[in-house]
N, C-alpha and C. Protein backbone atom coordinates (compact mmCIF):
# COMPACT_ATOMS: atom_id res chain seq x y z
N MET A 1 16.51 16.64 -34.55
CA MET A 1 15.17 16.06 -34.06
C MET A 1 15.51 14.51 -33.39
N ALA A 2 16.27 13.89 -34.60
CA ALA A 2 16.46 12.53 -34.11
C ALA A 2 17.33 12.22 -32.90
N SER A 3 18.26 13.14 -32.60
CA SER A 3 19.13 12.94 -31.33
C SER A 3 18.24 13.28 -30.23
N LYS A 4 17.22 14.06 -30.10
CA LYS A 4 16.34 14.34 -29.14
C LYS A 4 15.38 13.17 -28.88
N LEU A 5 14.93 12.39 -29.98
CA LEU A 5 13.98 11.34 -30.09
C LEU A 5 14.75 10.17 -29.07
N PHE A 6 16.16 10.11 -29.12
CA PHE A 6 16.92 9.00 -28.50
C PHE A 6 17.56 9.39 -27.27
N TYR A 7 17.39 10.68 -26.84
CA TYR A 7 18.04 11.25 -25.57
C TYR A 7 17.42 10.34 -24.47
N SER A 8 18.35 10.01 -23.49
CA SER A 8 18.04 9.37 -22.40
C SER A 8 18.53 10.04 -21.07
N GLY A 9 19.05 11.35 -21.19
CA GLY A 9 19.62 12.10 -20.13
C GLY A 9 20.68 11.69 -19.44
N PRO A 10 21.08 12.33 -18.39
CA PRO A 10 22.14 11.88 -17.58
C PRO A 10 21.83 10.63 -16.81
N THR A 11 22.75 9.97 -16.19
CA THR A 11 22.38 8.84 -15.25
C THR A 11 21.62 9.11 -14.14
N LEU A 12 20.79 8.16 -13.72
CA LEU A 12 19.84 8.55 -12.63
C LEU A 12 20.65 9.24 -11.32
N THR A 13 21.74 8.73 -11.12
CA THR A 13 22.57 9.27 -9.93
C THR A 13 22.99 10.67 -10.13
N VAL A 14 23.28 11.21 -11.42
CA VAL A 14 23.83 12.48 -11.64
C VAL A 14 22.61 13.18 -11.78
N LEU A 15 21.38 12.75 -12.22
CA LEU A 15 19.82 13.59 -12.32
C LEU A 15 19.60 13.75 -11.00
N HIS A 16 19.79 12.73 -9.89
CA HIS A 16 19.41 13.05 -8.62
C HIS A 16 20.35 14.07 -8.03
N ASP A 17 21.70 13.81 -8.04
CA ASP A 17 22.61 14.58 -7.34
C ASP A 17 22.70 16.02 -7.80
N GLU A 18 22.97 16.15 -9.04
CA GLU A 18 23.32 17.33 -9.72
C GLU A 18 22.07 18.18 -10.13
N TYR A 19 20.99 17.62 -10.61
CA TYR A 19 19.83 18.36 -10.89
C TYR A 19 18.91 18.39 -9.74
N ALA A 20 18.27 17.32 -9.42
CA ALA A 20 17.23 17.52 -8.37
C ALA A 20 17.71 17.97 -7.21
N GLY A 21 18.94 17.60 -6.67
CA GLY A 21 19.44 17.79 -5.22
C GLY A 21 19.78 19.50 -5.48
N ARG A 22 19.87 19.93 -6.64
CA ARG A 22 20.21 21.44 -6.71
C ARG A 22 19.17 22.27 -7.22
N GLY A 23 17.98 21.53 -6.96
CA GLY A 23 16.79 22.45 -7.56
C GLY A 23 16.57 22.71 -9.03
N ARG A 24 16.90 21.69 -9.79
CA ARG A 24 16.90 21.88 -11.27
C ARG A 24 16.23 20.60 -11.99
N VAL A 25 15.55 20.96 -13.01
CA VAL A 25 15.05 19.66 -13.78
C VAL A 25 16.22 19.71 -14.97
N ASP A 26 15.88 18.53 -15.73
CA ASP A 26 16.93 18.42 -16.86
C ASP A 26 16.19 19.17 -18.00
N PRO A 27 16.81 20.33 -18.43
CA PRO A 27 16.44 21.16 -19.43
C PRO A 27 16.29 20.62 -20.83
N ASN A 28 17.37 19.48 -21.07
CA ASN A 28 17.44 18.95 -22.43
C ASN A 28 16.50 17.60 -22.52
N ALA A 29 15.69 17.52 -21.49
CA ALA A 29 14.76 16.35 -21.54
C ALA A 29 13.55 16.64 -22.64
N GLN A 30 13.17 15.57 -23.24
CA GLN A 30 12.08 15.58 -24.23
C GLN A 30 10.85 16.36 -23.85
N LEU A 31 10.62 16.23 -22.58
CA LEU A 31 9.46 16.73 -21.92
C LEU A 31 9.81 17.67 -20.77
N VAL A 32 9.66 18.80 -20.65
CA VAL A 32 9.56 19.72 -19.38
C VAL A 32 8.49 20.50 -19.41
N SER A 33 7.97 20.61 -18.06
CA SER A 33 6.47 20.90 -17.89
C SER A 33 6.53 21.89 -16.56
N SER A 34 5.85 23.14 -16.45
CA SER A 34 5.74 23.74 -15.26
C SER A 34 4.31 24.29 -15.25
N SER A 35 3.79 24.08 -13.91
CA SER A 35 2.38 24.43 -13.61
C SER A 35 2.53 25.03 -12.43
N GLY A 36 1.39 25.79 -12.17
CA GLY A 36 1.35 26.56 -10.67
C GLY A 36 -0.23 26.77 -10.32
N VAL A 37 -0.38 26.91 -8.95
CA VAL A 37 -1.77 27.30 -8.46
C VAL A 37 -1.44 27.96 -7.13
N VAL A 38 -2.51 28.86 -6.69
CA VAL A 38 -2.39 29.67 -5.68
C VAL A 38 -3.41 28.99 -4.69
N VAL A 39 -2.93 28.69 -3.52
CA VAL A 39 -3.66 27.89 -2.52
C VAL A 39 -4.30 28.82 -1.40
N ASP A 40 -5.59 28.84 -1.14
CA ASP A 40 -6.06 29.73 -0.01
C ASP A 40 -5.76 29.12 1.30
N ALA A 41 -4.40 29.11 1.56
CA ALA A 41 -3.98 28.69 2.90
C ALA A 41 -2.40 29.04 3.12
N PRO A 42 -2.22 29.13 4.28
CA PRO A 42 -0.65 29.32 4.68
C PRO A 42 0.27 28.23 4.36
N VAL A 43 1.34 28.64 4.07
CA VAL A 43 2.31 27.64 3.63
C VAL A 43 2.45 26.56 4.59
N GLU A 44 2.54 26.52 5.79
CA GLU A 44 2.56 25.52 6.69
C GLU A 44 1.45 24.43 6.54
N HIS A 45 0.29 24.94 6.11
CA HIS A 45 -0.95 23.98 5.78
C HIS A 45 -0.67 23.10 4.61
N VAL A 46 -0.12 23.89 3.69
CA VAL A 46 0.09 23.29 2.31
C VAL A 46 1.26 22.15 2.45
N TRP A 47 2.26 22.64 3.13
CA TRP A 47 3.34 21.69 3.58
C TRP A 47 2.87 20.29 4.15
N GLU A 48 2.03 20.46 5.25
CA GLU A 48 1.47 19.35 5.98
C GLU A 48 0.79 18.49 5.14
N VAL A 49 0.06 18.83 4.08
CA VAL A 49 -0.76 17.96 3.20
C VAL A 49 0.15 17.44 2.25
N MET A 50 1.11 18.20 1.72
CA MET A 50 1.83 17.66 0.55
C MET A 50 2.75 16.82 0.81
N ALA A 51 3.53 16.92 2.17
CA ALA A 51 4.41 16.18 2.62
C ALA A 51 4.03 14.81 3.19
N ASP A 52 2.81 14.83 3.50
CA ASP A 52 2.20 13.65 4.05
C ASP A 52 1.91 12.58 2.90
N LEU A 53 2.89 11.84 2.36
CA LEU A 53 2.49 11.01 1.11
C LEU A 53 1.51 9.85 1.39
N ALA A 54 1.59 9.41 2.70
CA ALA A 54 0.75 8.27 3.03
C ALA A 54 -0.78 8.69 2.94
N THR A 55 -1.07 9.99 2.84
CA THR A 55 -2.28 10.29 2.67
C THR A 55 -2.79 10.83 1.10
N TRP A 56 -1.98 10.81 0.35
CA TRP A 56 -2.08 11.17 -0.90
C TRP A 56 -3.25 10.47 -1.60
N PRO A 57 -3.35 9.05 -1.42
CA PRO A 57 -4.33 8.38 -2.17
C PRO A 57 -5.70 8.91 -1.67
N LEU A 58 -5.93 9.52 -0.59
CA LEU A 58 -6.99 9.94 0.03
C LEU A 58 -7.68 11.09 -0.90
N TRP A 59 -6.74 11.82 -1.49
CA TRP A 59 -7.40 13.04 -2.08
C TRP A 59 -6.74 13.19 -3.72
N ALA A 60 -5.91 12.46 -3.94
CA ALA A 60 -5.24 12.31 -5.39
C ALA A 60 -5.68 11.21 -6.20
N SER A 61 -6.25 11.62 -7.40
CA SER A 61 -7.00 10.55 -8.15
C SER A 61 -5.96 9.70 -8.71
N ASN A 62 -6.31 8.55 -8.97
CA ASN A 62 -5.28 7.67 -9.91
C ASN A 62 -3.87 7.56 -9.32
N LEU A 63 -3.89 7.41 -7.84
CA LEU A 63 -2.50 7.34 -7.27
C LEU A 63 -2.66 6.34 -6.19
N GLU A 64 -1.50 5.64 -5.91
CA GLU A 64 -1.38 4.69 -4.92
C GLU A 64 0.03 4.70 -4.33
N ILE A 65 0.30 4.66 -3.05
CA ILE A 65 1.59 4.51 -2.42
C ILE A 65 1.88 3.25 -2.03
N VAL A 66 2.74 2.53 -2.69
CA VAL A 66 3.09 1.12 -2.58
C VAL A 66 4.12 0.89 -1.43
N GLU A 67 5.14 1.68 -1.38
CA GLU A 67 6.02 1.56 -0.13
C GLU A 67 6.71 2.98 0.18
N LEU A 68 6.72 3.21 1.39
CA LEU A 68 7.04 4.54 1.82
C LEU A 68 7.75 4.49 3.26
N SER A 69 9.02 4.99 3.44
CA SER A 69 9.59 5.00 4.65
C SER A 69 9.47 6.52 5.04
N ASP A 70 10.64 7.15 5.39
CA ASP A 70 10.67 8.41 5.93
C ASP A 70 10.74 9.53 4.61
N VAL A 71 10.12 10.46 4.82
CA VAL A 71 10.09 11.71 3.68
C VAL A 71 11.49 12.57 4.29
N ARG A 72 12.66 12.06 3.69
CA ARG A 72 13.92 12.67 3.87
C ARG A 72 14.88 12.52 2.68
N PRO A 73 15.61 13.44 2.44
CA PRO A 73 16.50 13.25 1.46
C PRO A 73 17.16 11.92 1.28
N GLY A 74 17.12 11.39 0.19
CA GLY A 74 17.80 10.00 0.07
C GLY A 74 16.89 8.93 0.16
N ALA A 75 15.59 8.98 0.89
CA ALA A 75 14.65 8.01 1.20
C ALA A 75 13.90 7.56 -0.10
N PRO A 76 13.83 6.33 -0.30
CA PRO A 76 13.25 5.75 -1.43
C PRO A 76 11.54 5.65 -0.99
N PHE A 77 10.91 5.66 -2.28
CA PHE A 77 9.46 5.43 -2.16
C PHE A 77 9.01 4.88 -3.61
N ARG A 78 7.96 3.86 -3.38
CA ARG A 78 7.45 3.35 -4.59
C ARG A 78 6.01 3.66 -4.57
N TRP A 79 5.64 4.08 -5.85
CA TRP A 79 4.08 4.43 -5.93
C TRP A 79 3.66 4.06 -7.43
N LYS A 80 2.41 4.39 -7.49
CA LYS A 80 1.50 4.18 -8.87
C LYS A 80 0.96 5.36 -9.15
N LEU A 81 0.99 5.55 -10.37
CA LEU A 81 0.18 6.93 -11.01
C LEU A 81 -0.28 6.43 -12.13
N ASN A 82 -1.58 6.53 -12.33
CA ASN A 82 -2.35 6.13 -13.35
C ASN A 82 -1.96 4.52 -13.83
N GLY A 83 -1.83 3.91 -12.64
CA GLY A 83 -1.60 2.36 -12.77
C GLY A 83 0.01 2.11 -13.39
N VAL A 84 0.85 3.08 -13.38
CA VAL A 84 2.09 2.95 -13.77
C VAL A 84 3.16 2.94 -12.37
N ALA A 85 3.67 1.80 -12.22
CA ALA A 85 4.65 1.71 -11.23
C ALA A 85 5.84 2.58 -11.30
N LEU A 86 6.09 3.39 -10.30
CA LEU A 86 7.25 4.30 -10.21
C LEU A 86 8.19 4.05 -8.95
N ARG A 87 9.58 4.12 -9.33
CA ARG A 87 10.49 4.02 -8.10
C ARG A 87 11.01 5.36 -8.00
N SER A 88 10.97 5.96 -6.85
CA SER A 88 11.41 7.35 -6.83
C SER A 88 12.31 7.53 -5.25
N ARG A 89 13.07 8.62 -5.23
CA ARG A 89 13.77 8.86 -4.26
C ARG A 89 13.84 10.46 -3.85
N PHE A 90 13.68 10.72 -2.83
CA PHE A 90 13.63 12.30 -2.41
C PHE A 90 15.03 12.75 -2.59
N ALA A 91 15.02 13.91 -3.20
CA ALA A 91 16.34 14.72 -3.33
C ALA A 91 16.37 15.88 -2.54
N VAL A 92 15.16 16.65 -2.37
CA VAL A 92 15.26 17.91 -1.55
C VAL A 92 13.77 17.73 -0.68
N VAL A 93 14.06 17.77 0.64
CA VAL A 93 13.05 17.83 1.60
C VAL A 93 13.19 19.17 2.29
N ALA A 94 12.60 20.24 2.10
CA ALA A 94 12.92 21.45 2.85
C ALA A 94 11.54 22.07 3.44
N PRO A 95 11.22 21.75 4.51
CA PRO A 95 9.89 22.13 4.82
C PRO A 95 9.41 23.27 4.59
N GLU A 96 8.17 23.48 4.14
CA GLU A 96 7.52 24.66 3.71
C GLU A 96 8.08 25.41 2.64
N ARG A 97 9.20 24.78 1.98
CA ARG A 97 9.75 25.44 0.78
C ARG A 97 9.77 24.46 -0.48
N GLU A 98 10.16 23.35 -0.47
CA GLU A 98 10.44 22.45 -1.43
C GLU A 98 10.40 21.01 -1.33
N LEU A 99 9.72 20.14 -2.16
CA LEU A 99 9.72 18.61 -2.07
C LEU A 99 10.18 18.28 -3.58
N THR A 100 11.26 17.66 -3.74
CA THR A 100 11.62 17.33 -4.74
C THR A 100 12.23 15.71 -4.99
N TRP A 101 11.87 14.97 -5.89
CA TRP A 101 12.21 13.72 -6.12
C TRP A 101 12.73 13.34 -7.54
N THR A 102 13.48 12.27 -7.72
CA THR A 102 13.69 11.65 -8.91
C THR A 102 12.90 10.51 -9.04
N GLY A 103 12.70 9.97 -10.03
CA GLY A 103 11.97 8.88 -10.32
C GLY A 103 12.23 8.09 -11.64
N VAL A 104 12.09 6.76 -11.61
CA VAL A 104 12.23 6.02 -12.89
C VAL A 104 10.98 5.17 -13.11
N PHE A 105 10.58 5.03 -14.37
CA PHE A 105 9.48 3.88 -14.65
C PHE A 105 9.81 3.55 -16.35
N PHE A 106 9.80 2.32 -16.34
CA PHE A 106 10.13 1.64 -17.89
C PHE A 106 11.53 2.25 -18.49
N GLY A 107 12.31 2.61 -17.44
CA GLY A 107 13.57 3.09 -17.99
C GLY A 107 13.60 4.65 -18.24
N TYR A 108 12.47 5.31 -18.14
CA TYR A 108 12.22 6.80 -18.24
C TYR A 108 12.62 7.47 -16.89
N LYS A 109 13.42 8.47 -17.02
CA LYS A 109 13.77 9.19 -15.85
C LYS A 109 13.17 10.58 -15.70
N ALA A 110 12.66 10.80 -14.44
CA ALA A 110 11.96 12.01 -14.29
C ALA A 110 12.53 12.82 -13.06
N VAL A 111 12.40 14.14 -13.01
CA VAL A 111 12.72 15.07 -11.91
C VAL A 111 11.21 15.79 -11.67
N ASP A 112 11.01 15.55 -10.23
CA ASP A 112 9.68 16.23 -10.00
C ASP A 112 9.98 17.30 -8.78
N ARG A 113 9.89 18.57 -9.07
CA ARG A 113 10.00 19.59 -8.19
C ARG A 113 8.75 20.33 -7.74
N HIS A 114 8.45 20.34 -6.49
CA HIS A 114 7.15 21.06 -5.85
C HIS A 114 7.74 22.30 -4.91
N VAL A 115 7.67 23.41 -5.43
CA VAL A 115 8.16 24.65 -4.77
C VAL A 115 6.89 25.49 -4.23
N LEU A 116 7.04 25.72 -2.84
CA LEU A 116 6.11 26.67 -2.22
C LEU A 116 6.44 28.11 -1.83
N GLU A 117 5.77 28.92 -2.31
CA GLU A 117 5.96 30.15 -2.00
C GLU A 117 5.02 30.96 -1.12
N PRO A 118 5.18 31.37 0.02
CA PRO A 118 4.12 32.02 0.68
C PRO A 118 4.02 33.53 0.10
N LEU A 119 2.59 33.81 0.16
CA LEU A 119 2.27 35.10 -0.38
C LEU A 119 1.90 35.98 0.75
N ASP A 120 1.94 37.18 0.54
CA ASP A 120 1.74 38.34 1.50
C ASP A 120 0.46 38.21 2.10
N ASP A 121 -0.57 37.85 1.36
CA ASP A 121 -1.99 37.60 1.93
C ASP A 121 -2.28 36.34 2.69
N GLY A 122 -1.11 35.54 2.97
CA GLY A 122 -1.56 34.32 3.81
C GLY A 122 -1.70 33.18 3.00
N ARG A 123 -1.61 33.34 1.61
CA ARG A 123 -1.82 32.17 0.78
C ARG A 123 -0.61 31.69 0.23
N THR A 124 -0.57 30.55 -0.64
CA THR A 124 0.74 30.06 -1.06
C THR A 124 0.60 29.74 -2.40
N ARG A 125 1.60 30.00 -3.19
CA ARG A 125 1.83 29.58 -4.69
C ARG A 125 2.59 28.31 -4.50
N VAL A 126 2.01 27.30 -5.23
CA VAL A 126 2.59 26.03 -5.52
C VAL A 126 3.08 25.77 -6.77
N THR A 127 4.09 25.46 -7.19
CA THR A 127 4.77 25.35 -8.48
C THR A 127 5.29 24.00 -8.72
N VAL A 128 4.77 23.13 -9.78
CA VAL A 128 5.45 21.80 -10.33
C VAL A 128 6.05 22.11 -11.27
N GLU A 129 7.22 21.42 -11.30
CA GLU A 129 8.04 21.52 -12.43
C GLU A 129 8.61 20.26 -12.43
N GLU A 130 8.79 19.59 -14.00
CA GLU A 130 8.96 18.34 -14.09
C GLU A 130 9.88 18.19 -15.32
N SER A 131 10.84 17.28 -15.38
CA SER A 131 11.51 16.79 -16.58
C SER A 131 11.37 15.26 -16.89
N LEU A 132 11.13 14.96 -18.09
CA LEU A 132 10.96 13.38 -18.30
C LEU A 132 11.64 13.15 -19.43
N ALA A 133 12.54 12.18 -19.48
CA ALA A 133 13.43 11.86 -20.36
C ALA A 133 13.71 10.36 -20.68
N GLY A 134 13.83 10.06 -22.01
CA GLY A 134 14.22 8.58 -22.41
C GLY A 134 13.74 8.27 -23.73
N PRO A 135 14.47 7.41 -24.41
CA PRO A 135 14.45 7.17 -25.75
C PRO A 135 12.91 6.93 -26.25
N LEU A 136 12.62 7.47 -27.31
CA LEU A 136 11.28 7.26 -27.91
C LEU A 136 10.27 7.71 -27.00
N LEU A 137 10.42 8.44 -25.99
CA LEU A 137 9.47 8.90 -25.04
C LEU A 137 8.18 9.77 -25.84
N SER A 138 8.77 10.66 -26.78
CA SER A 138 7.72 11.51 -27.33
C SER A 138 6.89 11.05 -28.19
N LEU A 139 6.98 9.53 -28.68
CA LEU A 139 6.24 8.82 -29.51
C LEU A 139 4.94 8.56 -28.95
N PHE A 140 4.93 8.40 -27.55
CA PHE A 140 3.70 8.17 -26.91
C PHE A 140 3.14 8.96 -25.66
N TYR A 141 4.04 10.01 -25.46
CA TYR A 141 3.69 10.84 -24.58
C TYR A 141 4.10 12.09 -24.86
N ASN A 142 3.61 13.29 -24.15
CA ASN A 142 3.93 14.69 -24.81
C ASN A 142 3.64 15.55 -23.61
N THR A 143 4.20 16.74 -23.70
CA THR A 143 4.08 17.83 -22.73
C THR A 143 2.64 18.13 -22.41
N ARG A 144 1.71 18.06 -23.34
CA ARG A 144 0.46 18.53 -22.95
C ARG A 144 -0.30 17.62 -21.97
N LYS A 145 0.17 16.17 -22.13
CA LYS A 145 -0.34 15.27 -21.25
C LYS A 145 0.18 15.38 -19.77
N LEU A 146 1.56 15.74 -19.86
CA LEU A 146 2.29 15.91 -18.58
C LEU A 146 1.71 17.11 -17.82
N GLN A 147 1.42 18.06 -18.60
CA GLN A 147 1.03 19.40 -17.90
C GLN A 147 -0.44 19.06 -17.38
N ALA A 148 -1.24 18.16 -18.13
CA ALA A 148 -2.45 17.95 -17.74
C ALA A 148 -2.46 17.04 -16.41
N ASN A 149 -1.53 16.26 -16.15
CA ASN A 149 -1.45 15.56 -14.95
C ASN A 149 -1.10 16.58 -13.74
N HIS A 150 -0.09 17.39 -14.15
CA HIS A 150 0.08 18.31 -13.00
C HIS A 150 -0.96 19.25 -12.52
N GLU A 151 -1.71 19.68 -13.68
CA GLU A 151 -2.88 20.63 -13.39
C GLU A 151 -3.93 19.92 -12.38
N ARG A 152 -4.06 18.65 -12.85
CA ARG A 152 -5.22 17.85 -12.09
C ARG A 152 -4.37 17.71 -10.51
N TRP A 153 -3.24 17.31 -10.60
CA TRP A 153 -2.51 17.27 -9.14
C TRP A 153 -2.77 18.38 -8.32
N LEU A 154 -2.30 19.56 -8.90
CA LEU A 154 -2.43 20.83 -8.33
C LEU A 154 -3.91 21.20 -7.72
N ALA A 155 -4.90 20.95 -8.70
CA ALA A 155 -6.23 21.11 -8.33
C ALA A 155 -6.65 20.17 -7.18
N GLU A 156 -6.21 19.03 -7.07
CA GLU A 156 -6.67 17.98 -6.17
C GLU A 156 -5.89 18.53 -4.78
N LEU A 157 -4.52 19.02 -4.81
CA LEU A 157 -3.82 19.18 -3.61
C LEU A 157 -4.47 20.46 -3.11
N LYS A 158 -4.78 21.61 -3.96
CA LYS A 158 -5.59 22.87 -3.52
C LYS A 158 -6.75 22.56 -2.80
N ALA A 159 -7.63 21.55 -3.38
CA ALA A 159 -8.98 21.06 -2.86
C ALA A 159 -8.78 20.61 -1.27
N ALA A 160 -7.84 19.63 -1.44
CA ALA A 160 -7.32 18.98 -0.03
C ALA A 160 -6.96 19.84 0.94
N VAL A 161 -6.10 20.81 0.66
CA VAL A 161 -5.52 21.71 1.72
C VAL A 161 -6.64 22.66 2.15
N GLU A 162 -7.41 23.25 1.19
CA GLU A 162 -8.42 24.09 1.58
C GLU A 162 -9.70 23.50 2.45
N GLU A 163 -9.90 22.13 2.10
CA GLU A 163 -11.01 21.51 2.88
C GLU A 163 -10.18 21.21 4.34
N THR A 164 -8.93 20.88 4.35
CA THR A 164 -8.42 20.72 5.78
C THR A 164 -8.42 21.98 6.51
N VAL A 165 -8.23 23.24 5.91
CA VAL A 165 -8.14 24.31 6.64
C VAL A 165 -9.61 24.65 7.09
N ALA A 166 -10.72 24.55 6.09
CA ALA A 166 -12.24 24.91 6.40
C ALA A 166 -12.49 24.00 7.64
N ALA A 167 -11.96 22.68 7.72
CA ALA A 167 -12.54 21.78 8.70
C ALA A 167 -11.87 22.24 10.04
N GLY A 168 -10.54 22.65 9.90
CA GLY A 168 -9.96 23.11 11.08
C GLY A 168 -10.69 24.35 11.69
N THR A 169 -11.04 25.25 10.85
CA THR A 169 -11.80 26.22 11.10
C THR A 169 -13.08 26.14 11.81
N ARG A 170 -13.85 25.19 11.17
CA ARG A 170 -15.20 24.64 11.74
C ARG A 170 -14.85 23.97 13.29
N ASP A 171 -13.95 23.23 13.20
CA ASP A 171 -13.64 22.57 14.49
C ASP A 171 -13.55 23.63 15.64
N ALA A 172 -12.75 24.59 15.33
CA ALA A 172 -12.26 25.59 16.25
C ALA A 172 -13.55 26.36 16.67
N ALA A 173 -14.37 26.79 15.73
CA ALA A 173 -15.59 27.54 15.95
C ALA A 173 -16.52 26.69 16.81
N MET A 174 -16.44 25.43 16.46
CA MET A 174 -17.54 24.65 17.53
C MET A 174 -16.96 24.44 18.93
N SER A 175 -15.80 24.45 19.04
CA SER A 175 -15.25 24.27 20.44
C SER A 175 -15.36 25.37 21.19
N ARG A 176 -15.60 26.45 20.70
CA ARG A 176 -15.85 27.77 21.43
C ARG A 176 -16.95 27.74 22.30
């Protein structure tokens, strides 16, 4: 147990290239969480909202984008979540399939994967998977809190996408 308490994970470069870049989180991290939701919208609409980081603060609570360039593999971005400053870099940007990045805050290292799965009925399953590692992390943060953040994020993403789709449907109906 003591070794897990002090686990700091692979270097950020290895975590980015060998884990995130290959669609994996760090299974040895102190915290590993996965949550999912089904969104009542086609995958292209979900991707459109999810990949537009500049608009995240409009629908995601406690989130601020500080610096953003392109949404492409290797591109960095800085943001704040619940007031905590994060430095991140995209690892996978596969339109309508996956958006994954690595991030660091206070020396703790994370892999965040967002996987989209189109369903036969025109809806989309979104799965968020994250690993978070760093010495003494489990003394002040736990998997339950991490999962609660994911579930809030997914609920807000679902609401934003479904509202966008509903607004588009209303606009199309009004223009007829």
